Amino acid sequence: MSRRLVTGLGNPGPEYEHTWHNLGFHVIRRLAEKQRIGLHRKGDSLVGQGTIGGKEVTLLMPLTYMNLSGHEVAHWAKKLNLHDDEILVVYDDHDLPRGLMRLRSSGGDGGHRGMRSVLAEVGSNAVQRFRLGIRDESLDPEAGGYEDLADRVLQPLTACEEKHVETIVEAAAKAIRDWVDKGAVEAMNRHNNRRIPAPKTDQQISKDREKIHKDSSEHGKGNGRKS
């Protein structure tokens, strides 16, 4: 039976839980919930094992803090005797606009310290990765990695951002199920560069309603005019 290792990157502790930088953890929890896979403490990680599409899958959440995540990924990859293309690392990426999903089969770390640790410990750049965009383009129009962004990516999520995280996590879990079940190429074709929009705020909904009402009124006046 084929095996897969899916790792979500994040930081342990309640102070980091509700932040964009823990998006990888959120995805693993949602996937575990969907697949009814229990997560249990084993060494320095939370680990769950089950099946997706007839393939054995191990879900992993390293609890070593972000910049040491690679120790646990390399340990479990060796323990399960996996090749690079059987490992998927899920993490937040400030280079990508918020809500954009991108699967890749290889590459560098992009300034992400967790991914840097993974690539160094595994000893290969051919580890598959699933990047989830978190950059707020209203604050940062241009991509720029993680330098000097610690305060921003570790700020507590607003209520609206919490809702956005929920929709991103749900879409990401589905993409990962496709990666395990249908393979990397099919998953890329289905999900790459898909962007999960932020839910509208009450204020935006109110403005939309006002615009619809205004357009409808103007259209009604136009119909009543004589030519």
Protein backbone atom coordinates (compact mmCIF):
# COMPACT_ATOMS: atom_id res chain seq x y z
CA MET A 1 0.00 0.00 0.00
CA SER A 2 1.27 3.48 -0.90
CA ARG A 3 2.22 5.79 1.94
CA ARG A 4 2.13 9.56 2.28
CA LEU A 5 3.29 12.01 4.95
CA VAL A 6 1.41 15.31 5.22
CA THR A 7 2.98 17.86 7.56
CA GLY A 8 1.51 21.16 8.65
CA LEU A 9 3.90 23.81 9.96
CA GLY A 10 3.11 26.07 12.89
CA ASN A 11 4.05 26.99 16.45
CA PRO A 12 2.72 25.26 19.59
CA GLY A 13 1.02 27.21 22.35
CA PRO A 14 -2.18 29.25 22.75
CA GLU A 15 -0.43 32.54 21.94
CA TYR A 16 0.22 31.32 18.38
CA GLU A 17 -2.98 29.37 17.79
CA HIS A 18 -5.12 32.08 16.19
CA THR A 19 -2.54 33.58 13.82
CA TRP A 20 -1.88 33.35 10.09
CA HIS A 21 1.48 31.72 10.79
CA ASN A 22 -0.30 28.63 12.15
CA LEU A 23 -2.30 27.97 9.00
CA GLY A 24 -0.48 24.67 8.45
CA PHE A 25 -1.62 23.40 11.85
CA HIS A 26 -5.22 24.39 11.13
CA VAL A 27 -5.20 22.43 7.87
CA ILE A 28 -3.88 19.26 9.50
CA ARG A 29 -6.54 19.42 12.21
CA ARG A 30 -9.29 19.88 9.62
CA LEU A 31 -7.98 17.00 7.51
CA ALA A 32 -7.79 14.77 10.59
CA GLU A 33 -11.38 15.69 11.46
CA LYS A 34 -12.63 15.01 7.92
CA GLN A 35 -10.86 11.65 7.69
CA ARG A 36 -11.59 10.69 11.31
CA ILE A 37 -7.91 10.36 12.10
CA GLY A 38 -6.95 10.87 15.75
CA LEU A 39 -3.92 13.05 16.50
CA HIS A 40 -1.76 11.91 19.41
CA ARG A 41 1.46 13.14 20.98
CA LYS A 42 4.44 11.07 19.87
CA GLY A 43 7.80 12.51 20.84
CA ASP A 44 7.94 16.12 19.67
CA SER A 45 4.92 15.95 17.35
CA LEU A 46 1.20 15.36 17.14
CA VAL A 47 0.77 12.38 14.81
CA GLY A 48 -2.22 10.64 13.25
CA GLN A 49 -2.34 7.68 10.89
CA GLY A 50 -5.18 6.56 8.64
CA THR A 51 -6.12 6.16 4.99
CA ILE A 52 -7.24 8.42 2.14
CA GLY A 53 -8.31 6.83 -1.13
CA GLY A 54 -6.82 3.49 -0.16
CA LYS A 55 -3.41 5.01 0.65
CA GLU A 56 -1.85 5.06 4.08
CA VAL A 57 -1.38 8.61 5.28
CA THR A 58 0.45 10.00 8.29
CA LEU A 59 -0.55 13.48 9.47
CA LEU A 60 2.14 15.38 11.33
CA MET A 61 2.26 18.56 13.40
CA PRO A 62 5.81 19.23 14.70
CA LEU A 63 5.73 20.83 18.14
CA THR A 64 9.35 21.99 18.06
CA TYR A 65 8.54 25.56 16.98
CA MET A 66 8.67 26.68 13.38
CA ASN A 67 12.41 27.01 12.83
CA LEU A 68 13.09 23.44 14.03
CA SER A 69 10.22 21.72 12.19
CA GLY A 70 12.59 19.80 9.93
CA HIS A 71 13.82 17.52 12.72
CA GLU A 72 10.44 15.84 13.06
CA VAL A 73 9.69 15.77 9.33
CA ALA A 74 13.01 14.07 8.59
CA HIS A 75 12.49 11.64 11.49
CA TRP A 76 9.08 10.51 10.27
CA ALA A 77 10.11 10.41 6.61
CA LYS A 78 12.94 8.06 7.55
CA LYS A 79 10.76 6.03 9.92
CA LEU A 80 8.19 5.50 7.15
CA ASN A 81 10.87 4.97 4.49
CA LEU A 82 9.41 7.63 2.20
CA HIS A 83 10.74 9.24 -0.96
CA ASP A 84 10.70 13.03 -1.35
CA ASP A 85 7.62 12.96 -3.61
CA GLU A 86 5.66 11.12 -0.90
CA ILE A 87 6.05 14.04 1.53
CA LEU A 88 3.83 17.13 1.46
CA VAL A 89 4.53 20.16 3.65
CA VAL A 90 1.67 22.65 4.19
CA TYR A 91 2.48 26.17 5.31
CA ASP A 92 1.56 29.86 5.14
CA ASP A 93 3.35 31.98 2.55
CA HIS A 94 3.55 35.76 2.69
CA ASP A 95 4.86 35.87 -0.91
CA LEU A 96 1.38 34.84 -2.11
CA PRO A 97 -1.75 37.00 -1.83
CA ARG A 98 -4.12 35.99 0.92
CA GLY A 99 -6.24 32.98 -0.02
CA LEU A 100 -4.15 31.85 -3.01
CA MET A 101 -3.23 28.14 -3.02
CA ARG A 102 -0.20 26.75 -4.81
CA LEU A 103 1.16 23.19 -4.94
CA ARG A 104 4.77 22.64 -6.04
CA SER A 105 6.98 19.58 -6.35
CA SER A 106 10.28 21.32 -5.54
CA GLY A 107 11.95 24.65 -4.87
CA GLY A 108 13.60 26.76 -2.20
CA ASP A 109 12.28 27.90 1.16
CA GLY A 110 11.14 31.38 0.04
CA GLY A 111 12.34 32.85 3.32
CA HIS A 112 10.03 30.64 5.39
CA ARG A 113 12.05 29.40 8.36
CA GLY A 114 9.96 26.28 8.87
CA MET A 115 10.41 25.18 5.26
CA ARG A 116 14.09 26.10 5.45
CA SER A 117 14.46 23.69 8.37
CA VAL A 118 12.57 20.94 6.51
CA LEU A 119 14.73 21.19 3.38
CA ALA A 120 17.93 21.26 5.44
CA GLU A 121 17.03 18.24 7.58
CA VAL A 122 15.58 16.13 4.76
CA GLY A 123 18.55 17.09 2.62
CA SER A 124 16.60 17.78 -0.56
CA ASN A 125 14.72 20.59 -2.33
CA ALA A 126 12.44 18.02 -3.98
CA VAL A 127 10.03 17.83 -1.04
CA GLN A 128 6.49 18.58 -2.22
CA ARG A 129 4.96 21.69 -0.73
CA PHE A 130 1.52 23.30 -0.46
CA ARG A 131 1.79 27.06 0.00
CA LEU A 132 -1.19 29.01 1.32
CA GLY A 133 -1.05 32.75 0.70
CA ILE A 134 -1.50 35.08 3.67
CA ARG A 135 -0.32 38.47 2.36
CA ASP A 136 -2.80 41.29 2.88
CA GLU A 137 -2.36 43.23 -0.36
CA SER A 138 -3.88 46.35 1.18
CA LEU A 139 -0.87 46.47 3.53
CA ASP A 140 1.78 44.77 1.36
CA PRO A 141 1.07 45.10 -2.38
CA GLU A 142 4.38 43.44 -3.28
CA ALA A 143 5.72 40.00 -2.30
CA GLY A 144 8.47 40.16 0.25
CA GLY A 145 9.06 36.98 2.22
CA TYR A 146 9.14 37.09 6.01
CA GLU A 147 11.85 39.60 6.87
CA ASP A 148 10.61 42.04 9.51
CA LEU A 149 7.12 40.53 9.33
CA ALA A 150 7.10 38.52 12.56
CA ASP A 151 4.80 40.93 14.38
CA ARG A 152 2.34 41.00 11.50
CA VAL A 153 2.04 37.25 10.81
CA LEU A 154 1.83 36.53 14.54
CA GLN A 155 -0.90 39.08 15.29
CA PRO A 156 -4.18 37.57 16.56
CA LEU A 157 -6.73 37.05 13.81
CA THR A 158 -9.69 39.39 13.59
CA ALA A 159 -13.22 37.93 13.52
CA CYS A 160 -13.34 38.42 9.74
CA GLU A 161 -9.91 36.80 9.31
CA GLU A 162 -11.05 33.81 11.42
CA LYS A 163 -13.86 33.26 8.91
CA HIS A 164 -11.42 33.53 6.03
CA VAL A 165 -9.12 30.98 7.65
CA GLU A 166 -12.07 28.59 7.88
CA THR A 167 -12.78 28.77 4.15
CA ILE A 168 -9.08 28.47 3.23
CA VAL A 169 -8.62 25.47 5.53
CA GLU A 170 -11.67 23.72 4.07
CA ALA A 171 -10.42 24.19 0.49
CA ALA A 172 -6.88 23.17 1.43
CA ALA A 173 -8.07 19.95 3.08
CA LYS A 174 -9.89 18.99 -0.12
CA ALA A 175 -6.79 19.72 -2.21
CA ILE A 176 -4.68 17.52 0.04
CA ARG A 177 -7.15 14.67 -0.22
CA ASP A 178 -6.81 14.94 -4.00
CA TRP A 179 -3.00 14.99 -3.69
CA VAL A 180 -3.05 11.77 -1.70
CA ASP A 181 -5.80 10.03 -3.67
CA LYS A 182 -5.27 11.25 -7.24
CA GLY A 183 -1.62 12.26 -7.26
CA ALA A 184 0.33 15.50 -7.42
CA VAL A 185 -0.29 16.33 -11.09
CA GLU A 186 -4.07 15.95 -10.82
CA ALA A 187 -4.13 17.95 -7.57
CA MET A 188 -2.09 20.74 -9.18
CA ASN A 189 -4.40 20.84 -12.20
CA ARG A 190 -7.45 21.09 -9.96
CA HIS A 191 -6.27 23.47 -7.27
CA ASN A 192 -3.18 25.44 -8.31
CA ASN A 193 -3.59 29.21 -8.29
CA ARG A 194 -7.13 28.93 -6.98
CA ARG A 195 -7.86 31.85 -4.69
CA ILE A 196 -10.25 31.56 -1.78
CA PRO A 197 -11.94 34.96 -1.35
CA ALA A 198 -12.39 36.60 2.01
CA PRO A 199 -15.97 36.56 3.31
CA LYS A 200 -17.72 39.88 3.09
CA THR A 201 -18.11 41.98 6.21
CA ASP A 202 -21.51 43.28 7.33
CA GLN A 203 -20.45 46.72 6.09
CA GLN A 204 -19.60 45.36 2.62
CA ILE A 205 -22.90 43.48 2.45
CA SER A 206 -24.75 46.66 3.42
CA LYS A 207 -22.93 48.62 0.69
CA ASP A 208 -23.76 45.93 -1.88
CA ARG A 209 -27.44 46.11 -0.92
CA GLU A 210 -27.40 49.90 -1.18
CA LYS A 211 -25.83 49.68 -4.65
CA ILE A 212 -28.39 47.10 -5.82
CA HIS A 213 -31.21 49.31 -4.49
CA LYS A 214 -29.72 52.38 -6.17
CA ASP A 215 -29.22 50.58 -9.51
CA SER A 216 -32.75 49.19 -9.35
CA SER A 217 -34.21 52.64 -8.65
CA GLU A 218 -32.28 54.24 -11.50
CA HIS A 219 -33.33 51.43 -13.85
CA GLY A 220 -36.98 51.97 -12.85
CA LYS A 221 -36.72 55.69 -13.55
CA GLY A 222 -35.14 54.98 -16.91
CA ASN A 223 -38.03 52.70 -17.90
CA GLY A 224 -40.49 55.44 -17.06
CA ARG A 225 -38.97 58.01 -19.40
CA LYS A 226 -40.59 58.86 -22.71
CA SER A 227 -38.45 58.70 -25.81
